[in-house]
Amino acid sequence: MPRNGQGQYTKPPNTTAQPNTTIKSAMFNSVVDDLVVDANTPRPITAGGTGAATVEAARTNLELDKKLVYSEKSADYAVLATDNNAFIRFTAAATATLPAAGSLGSNWHVTVLADGGAVTIDPSAAEQINGAATLLVPSGYSAEIYCSGTAFFTEKIAEAPFDFFLDCIPAWISNTSISFTAGSGVFGGKKHVLPAYTKTMSAFSAGNNGGMLDTGSIGASKTYFLFAIRNISTGVSDYLTSLSLTPTIPSGWELNSGARIGSLLTNASSQIVPFWQVGNEINTDTYAWFQANATVSGLASPSLIPIGVSVDIKVILQAVVAAPGQDCVGAISDAVANNALIATPASVSVRARSGNDYPDQSSAAGKARSNTAGQLFRSISVTSTACAINASVCGWHDYSCKRLWG
């Protein structure tokens, strides 16, 4: 074949015709036959060809991937050499066994998505991936696996170092339903896309306007905890509510760490207590807590605040004296304090005193942290029944909820 080492074609020697001479058939046929052979021989890359007689060989010579191929697997799968540049979605926990690295050569690669359970990547025999015998791809994550010809490698799978979410703000709609704004988050290392849904206080059913109770029916004077849950097969998120911090999970769904996204209360008529929320700040109407006309000290439970989780309760105090020479002091502090006036500074305090420079009434507002029993510490000191400390509450801050910038 008259091509040189650079792939350049030159015609056969002694085939140049001279002017005004007879062209010999042997010389003519030699040139034509040579051109036919050249036309049917893989053209070198340097001459604009692929240097190959097959599609696979051409891709190899040109260092090209074949077209991306999508496939789904629901069980263990032995990956094939022909899966090069494939995207394989596993919809259940499984093991993906790789071919021998030597049979694949360098640059072979495949992407594995674990979308229904963790997937174990298992190289052939004693071969390794990232220097280990196997690689676990957590559910909700993917890994692009490369072959070097002797081993396999992939980028390290980075999981969020903590649980968090954005937006997904609950709002009161009616006595039996609430809405959620759209949001997103990572719970238990798995990404959740949180939909804008309206959910009702009925048995759980997936989707917008479906129920969200894990068990039973709506109860009276209860604290309900709100959770984001994830469908194991599809990865779709939805909402669940429960009286328990460890709810009963619907079949086919999972609840991951950090996925409590809020709480709501019901009143004595088994109706959702109206609320409006900004971030983790829950606002309610103002509800009376107590009126004290005598000295009292100790833990006490405000009305209509969550029980089961600690929150920062919004408290309003008012002190009133109705006779001369009277003095009253009221203080509310965190439930952990043994004594609101001595052991720790009061979170909210108020004083009214008749005479001198004191008014006969005053008020103050602030927050104090409850315990999981829904209690705060109160310390009231009055000189007579002519004095009164009035307390009320108007919502809470859900500080343990994992909402960013909440």
Protein backbone atom coordinates (compact mmCIF):
# COMPACT_ATOMS: atom_id res chain seq x y z
CA MET A 1 0.00 0.00 0.00
CA PRO A 2 1.75 3.20 -1.15
CA ARG A 3 1.10 5.31 1.96
CA ASN A 4 4.04 6.53 3.98
CA GLY A 5 4.36 6.56 7.76
CA GLN A 6 2.44 9.82 7.97
CA GLY A 7 -0.51 8.26 6.13
CA GLN A 8 0.09 10.24 2.94
CA TYR A 9 -0.89 8.54 -0.34
CA THR A 10 1.50 8.46 -3.30
CA LYS A 11 0.84 6.74 -6.58
CA PRO A 12 2.84 3.63 -7.55
CA PRO A 13 6.32 4.21 -9.02
CA ASN A 14 6.87 4.35 -12.81
CA THR A 15 3.23 5.16 -13.49
CA THR A 16 3.62 8.72 -14.69
CA ALA A 17 2.52 8.96 -18.33
CA GLN A 18 4.62 10.94 -20.78
CA PRO A 19 3.07 13.34 -23.29
CA ASN A 20 2.47 12.02 -26.80
CA THR A 21 3.13 8.43 -25.79
CA THR A 22 0.86 5.42 -25.65
CA ILE A 23 -0.45 4.58 -22.15
CA LYS A 24 0.25 0.98 -21.39
CA SER A 25 -2.61 -0.99 -19.90
CA ALA A 26 -0.44 -2.50 -17.16
CA MET A 27 0.59 0.91 -15.92
CA PHE A 28 -2.99 2.21 -16.10
CA ASN A 29 -4.40 -0.80 -14.31
CA SER A 30 -1.72 -0.58 -11.65
CA VAL A 31 -2.79 2.95 -10.72
CA VAL A 32 -6.51 2.15 -10.76
CA ASP A 33 -6.06 -1.04 -8.74
CA ASP A 34 -4.00 0.86 -6.21
CA LEU A 35 -6.71 3.52 -5.85
CA VAL A 36 -9.36 0.82 -5.37
CA VAL A 37 -7.33 -0.79 -2.61
CA ASP A 38 -6.75 2.57 -0.97
CA ALA A 39 -10.44 3.49 -1.15
CA ASN A 40 -11.43 0.26 0.58
CA THR A 41 -8.77 0.40 3.27
CA PRO A 42 -9.45 2.33 6.56
CA ARG A 43 -8.12 5.81 6.00
CA PRO A 44 -5.59 6.96 8.61
CA ILE A 45 -6.65 9.61 11.11
CA THR A 46 -3.97 11.92 9.76
CA ALA A 47 -5.60 11.71 6.34
CA GLY A 48 -9.08 12.54 7.70
CA GLY A 49 -10.20 8.99 8.40
CA THR A 50 -10.67 6.84 11.49
CA GLY A 51 -7.97 4.21 10.90
CA ALA A 52 -10.60 1.56 11.62
CA ALA A 53 -12.87 -0.85 9.82
CA THR A 54 -15.56 -1.00 12.54
CA VAL A 55 -17.57 1.54 14.54
CA GLU A 56 -16.14 0.33 17.85
CA ALA A 57 -12.57 0.48 16.53
CA ALA A 58 -13.20 3.96 15.13
CA ARG A 59 -14.43 5.17 18.55
CA THR A 60 -11.36 3.68 20.15
CA ASN A 61 -8.97 5.27 17.63
CA LEU A 62 -10.69 8.65 17.91
CA GLU A 63 -11.01 8.31 21.70
CA LEU A 64 -14.79 8.84 21.51
CA ASP A 65 -17.55 7.49 23.75
CA LYS A 66 -20.46 5.71 22.23
CA LYS A 67 -23.92 7.27 22.61
CA LEU A 68 -25.12 7.48 26.22
CA VAL A 69 -27.48 4.60 27.02
CA TYR A 70 -30.02 4.71 29.88
CA SER A 71 -31.14 1.49 31.56
CA GLU A 72 -32.97 0.48 34.75
CA LYS A 73 -32.24 -2.45 37.04
CA SER A 74 -34.23 -3.67 40.03
CA ALA A 75 -31.88 -6.43 41.18
CA ASP A 76 -28.22 -7.46 41.14
CA TYR A 77 -26.57 -6.86 37.76
CA ALA A 78 -23.34 -7.99 36.10
CA VAL A 79 -22.12 -4.91 34.23
CA LEU A 80 -20.97 -5.60 30.67
CA ALA A 81 -18.11 -4.24 28.62
CA THR A 82 -20.75 -2.90 26.21
CA ASP A 83 -22.16 -0.77 29.05
CA ASN A 84 -19.37 1.72 28.40
CA ASN A 85 -20.80 5.23 28.86
CA ALA A 86 -24.10 3.80 30.14
CA PHE A 87 -26.25 5.37 32.86
CA ILE A 88 -27.68 2.57 35.01
CA ARG A 89 -30.45 3.47 37.49
CA PHE A 90 -31.03 0.92 40.24
CA THR A 91 -34.53 1.15 41.70
CA ALA A 92 -33.79 -1.21 44.59
CA ALA A 93 -30.86 -2.16 46.77
CA ALA A 94 -28.50 -4.26 44.66
CA THR A 95 -24.92 -5.24 43.80
CA ALA A 96 -23.35 -4.15 40.51
CA THR A 97 -20.51 -6.54 39.58
CA LEU A 98 -17.88 -5.07 37.25
CA PRO A 99 -16.06 -6.93 34.46
CA ALA A 100 -12.33 -7.60 34.75
CA ALA A 101 -10.48 -4.30 34.36
CA GLY A 102 -7.98 -5.84 31.97
CA SER A 103 -10.76 -6.77 29.56
CA LEU A 104 -12.02 -3.19 29.47
CA GLY A 105 -8.83 -1.19 29.10
CA SER A 106 -8.42 2.39 30.18
CA ASN A 107 -11.10 5.07 29.69
CA TRP A 108 -14.06 2.66 30.02
CA HIS A 109 -16.64 4.21 32.33
CA VAL A 110 -20.20 3.80 33.59
CA THR A 111 -22.52 5.84 35.85
CA VAL A 112 -24.54 4.11 38.58
CA LEU A 113 -27.51 5.81 40.30
CA ALA A 114 -28.82 4.32 43.55
CA ASP A 115 -32.48 5.36 43.54
CA GLY A 116 -34.32 2.96 45.80
CA GLY A 117 -31.65 1.57 48.08
CA ALA A 118 -27.89 1.49 48.42
CA VAL A 119 -25.91 -0.12 45.56
CA THR A 120 -22.67 -2.01 46.17
CA ILE A 121 -20.06 -1.75 43.39
CA ASP A 122 -18.07 -5.01 43.34
CA PRO A 123 -15.02 -5.27 41.02
CA SER A 124 -14.03 -8.61 39.54
CA ALA A 125 -12.10 -11.10 41.73
CA ALA A 126 -9.42 -9.29 43.75
CA GLU A 127 -9.59 -6.04 41.76
CA GLN A 128 -10.33 -2.84 43.65
CA ILE A 129 -12.24 0.39 43.37
CA ASN A 130 -10.68 3.44 45.02
CA GLY A 131 -8.25 1.01 46.67
CA ALA A 132 -11.01 -0.97 48.37
CA ALA A 133 -12.71 -4.28 47.65
CA THR A 134 -16.13 -2.63 47.16
CA LEU A 135 -17.78 0.80 47.02
CA LEU A 136 -21.18 1.60 48.56
CA VAL A 137 -23.31 4.15 46.69
CA PRO A 138 -25.94 5.42 49.20
CA SER A 139 -29.54 5.65 48.11
CA GLY A 140 -30.13 9.00 46.44
CA TYR A 141 -26.55 9.29 45.15
CA SER A 142 -24.72 8.39 41.94
CA ALA A 143 -21.14 7.46 41.09
CA GLU A 144 -19.29 7.68 37.77
CA ILE A 145 -16.87 4.76 37.67
CA TYR A 146 -13.70 4.79 35.53
CA CYS A 147 -11.40 1.91 34.55
CA SER A 148 -7.63 2.36 34.34
CA GLY A 149 -7.08 -1.02 32.75
CA THR A 150 -6.02 -2.59 36.05
CA ALA A 151 -8.44 -1.07 38.63
CA PHE A 152 -11.49 1.16 39.01
CA PHE A 153 -11.81 4.67 40.38
CA THR A 154 -14.54 7.16 41.14
CA GLU A 155 -14.88 10.52 42.82
CA LYS A 156 -15.43 10.29 46.55
CA ILE A 157 -19.13 10.37 47.33
CA ALA A 158 -19.66 13.49 49.41
CA GLU A 159 -22.59 13.44 51.82
CA ALA A 160 -23.91 16.52 53.56
CA PRO A 161 -22.21 16.76 56.97
CA PHE A 162 -25.52 17.56 58.66
CA ASP A 163 -29.27 17.47 58.07
CA PHE A 164 -30.86 20.67 56.77
CA PHE A 165 -33.64 22.03 54.60
CA LEU A 166 -34.81 25.28 53.05
CA ASP A 167 -38.27 26.85 52.96
CA CYS A 168 -41.13 24.28 53.21
CA ILE A 169 -43.15 26.60 55.47
CA PRO A 170 -46.41 25.19 56.93
CA ALA A 171 -49.47 27.44 57.05
CA TRP A 172 -52.97 27.07 58.52
CA ILE A 173 -55.67 26.59 55.88
CA SER A 174 -58.68 25.34 57.82
CA ASN A 175 -59.63 23.44 60.98
CA THR A 176 -58.47 20.21 59.33
CA SER A 177 -55.84 21.17 56.74
CA ILE A 178 -52.55 23.00 56.31
CA SER A 179 -50.34 23.87 53.33
CA PHE A 180 -46.59 23.66 52.72
CA THR A 181 -44.50 25.89 50.48
CA ALA A 182 -42.01 24.19 48.19
CA GLY A 183 -38.52 23.54 49.50
CA SER A 184 -35.54 21.22 49.42
CA GLY A 185 -33.26 19.55 51.91
CA VAL A 186 -30.90 16.75 52.80
CA PHE A 187 -32.02 14.32 55.52
CA GLY A 188 -29.92 11.32 56.48
CA GLY A 189 -27.59 12.08 53.58
CA LYS A 190 -30.42 11.90 51.01
CA LYS A 191 -31.69 14.79 48.94
CA HIS A 192 -35.39 15.62 49.28
CA VAL A 193 -37.32 17.86 46.89
CA LEU A 194 -40.18 19.13 49.04
CA PRO A 195 -43.38 19.90 47.10
CA ALA A 196 -45.91 22.70 47.59
CA TYR A 197 -48.84 20.61 48.87
CA THR A 198 -52.02 21.03 50.86
CA LYS A 199 -52.48 18.13 53.30
CA THR A 200 -55.41 17.14 55.51
CA MET A 201 -55.66 15.60 58.98
CA SER A 202 -56.83 12.25 57.64
CA ALA A 203 -55.14 8.92 56.91
CA PHE A 204 -51.98 9.29 54.83
CA SER A 205 -52.37 9.30 51.07
CA ALA A 206 -49.66 10.54 48.75
CA GLY A 207 -49.90 13.75 46.78
CA ASN A 208 -51.53 17.15 46.92
CA ASN A 209 -54.76 17.32 48.99
CA GLY A 210 -54.05 13.86 50.43
CA GLY A 211 -54.11 12.93 54.10
CA MET A 212 -51.02 13.03 56.31
CA LEU A 213 -51.90 11.22 59.56
CA ASP A 214 -49.72 8.19 60.24
CA THR A 215 -52.38 6.45 62.35
CA GLY A 216 -55.83 7.08 63.81
CA SER A 217 -57.85 10.27 63.47
CA ILE A 218 -57.32 13.85 64.59
CA GLY A 219 -57.35 14.18 68.39
CA ALA A 220 -58.27 16.96 70.82
CA SER A 221 -55.71 19.17 72.59
CA LYS A 222 -52.73 17.41 71.03
CA THR A 223 -49.30 18.25 69.65
CA TYR A 224 -48.69 16.85 66.16
CA PHE A 225 -45.21 16.66 64.66
CA LEU A 226 -44.70 17.29 60.94
CA PHE A 227 -42.22 15.25 58.90
CA ALA A 228 -40.87 15.06 55.36
CA ILE A 229 -40.85 11.49 54.05
CA ARG A 230 -39.34 10.01 50.86
CA ASN A 231 -40.66 7.33 48.53
CA ILE A 232 -38.00 4.61 48.36
CA SER A 233 -38.71 3.65 44.73
CA THR A 234 -39.31 7.03 43.10
CA GLY A 235 -37.48 9.47 45.37
CA VAL A 236 -40.61 11.67 45.56
CA SER A 237 -41.17 13.49 48.86
CA ASP A 238 -44.40 13.99 50.80
CA TYR A 239 -45.56 14.95 54.30
CA LEU A 240 -46.57 12.95 57.36
CA THR A 241 -47.86 14.02 60.78
CA SER A 242 -47.89 12.06 64.01
CA LEU A 243 -48.41 12.35 67.77
CA SER A 244 -45.03 10.63 68.08
CA LEU A 245 -41.50 11.72 67.24
CA THR A 246 -41.08 8.17 65.88
CA PRO A 247 -44.12 7.91 63.60
CA THR A 248 -45.51 4.88 61.83
CA ILE A 249 -44.09 5.07 58.29
CA PRO A 250 -46.31 4.13 55.32
CA SER A 251 -45.13 1.09 53.34
CA GLY A 252 -42.69 2.02 50.59
CA TRP A 253 -41.66 5.27 52.28
CA GLU A 254 -38.76 6.21 54.53
CA LEU A 255 -38.19 8.77 57.27
CA ASN A 256 -34.60 9.95 57.55
CA SER A 257 -32.78 11.73 60.35
CA GLY A 258 -33.51 15.42 60.85
CA ALA A 259 -36.72 15.30 58.79
CA ARG A 260 -39.02 16.91 61.37
CA ILE A 261 -40.09 20.13 59.65
CA GLY A 262 -42.48 21.59 62.22
CA SER A 263 -45.41 20.99 64.54
CA LEU A 264 -49.04 22.00 64.97
CA LEU A 265 -51.56 22.00 67.81
CA THR A 266 -55.20 21.02 68.08
CA ASN A 267 -57.75 22.55 70.44
CA ALA A 268 -60.37 20.90 72.63
CA SER A 269 -62.65 20.57 69.59
CA SER A 270 -60.07 18.54 67.62
CA GLN A 271 -59.40 21.46 65.31
CA ILE A 272 -56.03 22.77 64.14
CA VAL A 273 -55.12 25.88 66.13
CA PRO A 274 -54.70 28.76 63.64
CA PHE A 275 -51.10 29.86 63.13
CA TRP A 276 -48.92 31.74 60.69
CA GLN A 277 -45.24 31.00 60.33
CA VAL A 278 -42.05 32.73 59.15
CA GLY A 279 -39.01 30.47 59.13
CA ASN A 280 -39.13 28.60 62.44
CA GLU A 281 -41.13 31.40 64.09
CA ILE A 282 -44.71 30.27 64.76
CA ASN A 283 -47.25 32.99 65.58
CA THR A 284 -50.66 32.35 67.13
CA ASP A 285 -53.42 34.39 68.70
CA THR A 286 -52.72 35.50 72.27
CA TYR A 287 -53.88 32.95 74.84
CA ALA A 288 -54.18 33.62 78.59
CA TRP A 289 -51.81 31.58 80.76
CA PHE A 290 -52.36 32.66 84.39
CA GLN A 291 -53.22 35.52 86.70
CA ALA A 292 -51.35 35.51 90.03
CA ASN A 293 -52.49 37.52 93.08
CA ALA A 294 -50.22 35.64 95.47
CA THR A 295 -46.55 34.75 95.67
CA VAL A 296 -45.81 31.57 93.74
CA SER A 297 -42.74 29.89 92.30
CA GLY A 298 -42.15 26.76 90.24
CA LEU A 299 -42.71 25.05 86.91
CA ALA A 300 -45.99 25.67 85.11
CA SER A 301 -47.43 24.80 81.69
CA PRO A 302 -48.72 27.56 79.40
CA SER A 303 -51.75 27.01 77.23
CA LEU A 304 -51.49 25.91 73.59
CA ILE A 305 -47.77 25.34 73.21
CA PRO A 306 -46.03 22.15 71.97
CA ILE A 307 -45.46 19.22 74.29
CA GLY A 308 -42.82 16.65 73.36
CA VAL A 309 -40.15 19.05 72.08
CA SER A 310 -38.43 22.01 73.69
CA VAL A 311 -39.27 25.36 72.09
CA ASP A 312 -38.73 29.05 72.84
CA ILE A 313 -42.16 30.26 73.98
CA LYS A 314 -43.24 33.83 73.34
CA VAL A 315 -44.48 35.23 76.66
CA ILE A 316 -46.26 38.49 77.54
CA LEU A 317 -46.27 39.64 81.18
CA GLN A 318 -48.30 42.45 82.74
CA ALA A 319 -48.02 43.72 86.30
CA VAL A 320 -50.80 45.80 87.92
CA VAL A 321 -51.13 47.34 91.41
CA ALA A 322 -54.52 48.68 92.49
CA ALA A 323 -53.67 50.23 95.89
CA PRO A 324 -50.97 52.51 97.34
CA GLY A 325 -47.86 51.08 98.95
CA GLN A 326 -47.93 47.89 96.87
CA ASP A 327 -45.20 46.10 94.97
CA CYS A 328 -45.29 43.09 92.61
CA VAL A 329 -42.61 41.39 90.55
CA GLY A 330 -43.10 38.68 87.93
CA ALA A 331 -40.44 36.69 86.10
CA ILE A 332 -40.49 33.85 83.58
CA SER A 333 -37.34 31.89 82.75
CA ASP A 334 -36.21 28.72 81.05
CA ALA A 335 -37.61 25.50 82.48
CA VAL A 336 -34.11 24.27 83.35
CA ALA A 337 -33.71 27.01 85.96
CA ASN A 338 -34.28 25.99 89.59
CA ASN A 339 -35.04 29.55 90.56
CA ALA A 340 -35.84 32.26 88.07
CA LEU A 341 -34.56 35.12 90.24
CA ILE A 342 -31.40 33.56 91.68
CA ALA A 343 -30.13 30.62 89.62
CA THR A 344 -30.40 32.28 86.21
CA PRO A 345 -31.39 35.67 84.80
CA ALA A 346 -35.08 35.91 84.02
CA SER A 347 -35.98 35.62 80.33
CA VAL A 348 -38.98 37.93 80.79
CA SER A 349 -39.58 40.09 83.86
CA VAL A 350 -41.94 42.85 84.90
CA ARG A 351 -42.53 44.99 88.01
CA ALA A 352 -45.19 47.42 89.17
CA ARG A 353 -45.06 49.48 92.36
CA SER A 354 -47.27 52.28 93.65
CA GLY A 355 -45.54 55.43 94.84
CA ASN A 356 -41.98 56.69 94.23
CA ASP A 357 -40.96 56.61 90.57
CA TYR A 358 -42.75 53.37 89.69
CA PRO A 359 -45.95 53.22 87.66
CA ASP A 360 -48.95 51.32 88.84
CA GLN A 361 -48.73 48.98 85.87
CA SER A 362 -46.15 47.78 83.36
CA SER A 363 -45.68 45.06 80.76
CA ALA A 364 -42.91 43.15 79.04
CA ALA A 365 -42.55 40.48 76.33
CA GLY A 366 -39.86 37.96 75.42
CA LYS A 367 -39.05 34.29 75.01
CA ALA A 368 -38.25 31.49 77.45
CA ARG A 369 -37.22 27.93 76.64
CA SER A 370 -39.61 25.16 77.64
CA ASN A 371 -38.77 21.59 78.56
CA THR A 372 -40.24 18.66 76.63
CA ALA A 373 -43.16 18.61 79.08
CA GLY A 374 -44.16 22.07 77.86
CA GLN A 375 -43.24 23.85 81.09
CA LEU A 376 -41.57 27.17 81.97
CA PHE A 377 -40.31 28.41 85.32
CA ARG A 378 -42.30 31.26 86.89
CA SER A 379 -41.51 33.34 89.95
CA ILE A 380 -44.18 35.73 91.24
CA SER A 381 -43.83 37.98 94.28
CA VAL A 382 -46.70 40.24 95.43
CA THR A 383 -47.34 42.20 98.63
CA SER A 384 -51.13 41.66 98.63
CA THR A 385 -54.09 40.68 96.53
CA ALA A 386 -54.18 44.27 95.36
CA CYS A 387 -51.37 43.23 93.04
CA ALA A 388 -51.63 40.96 89.98
CA ILE A 389 -49.29 39.43 87.46
CA ASN A 390 -51.01 38.41 84.22
CA ALA A 391 -49.28 36.09 81.74
CA SER A 392 -50.20 35.06 78.20
CA VAL A 393 -48.48 33.32 75.27
CA CYS A 394 -48.65 33.95 71.52
CA GLY A 395 -46.53 31.34 69.75
CA TRP A 396 -43.05 29.87 69.82
CA HIS A 397 -39.74 29.51 68.01
CA ASP A 398 -39.02 25.89 66.97
CA TYR A 399 -35.25 26.13 67.45
CA SER A 400 -34.50 22.41 66.99
CA CYS A 401 -36.06 22.28 63.51
CA LYS A 402 -33.31 21.92 60.88
CA ARG A 403 -34.59 24.73 58.61
CA LEU A 404 -31.70 26.96 57.53
CA TRP A 405 -31.99 30.61 58.47
CA GLY A 406 -35.11 29.71 60.46
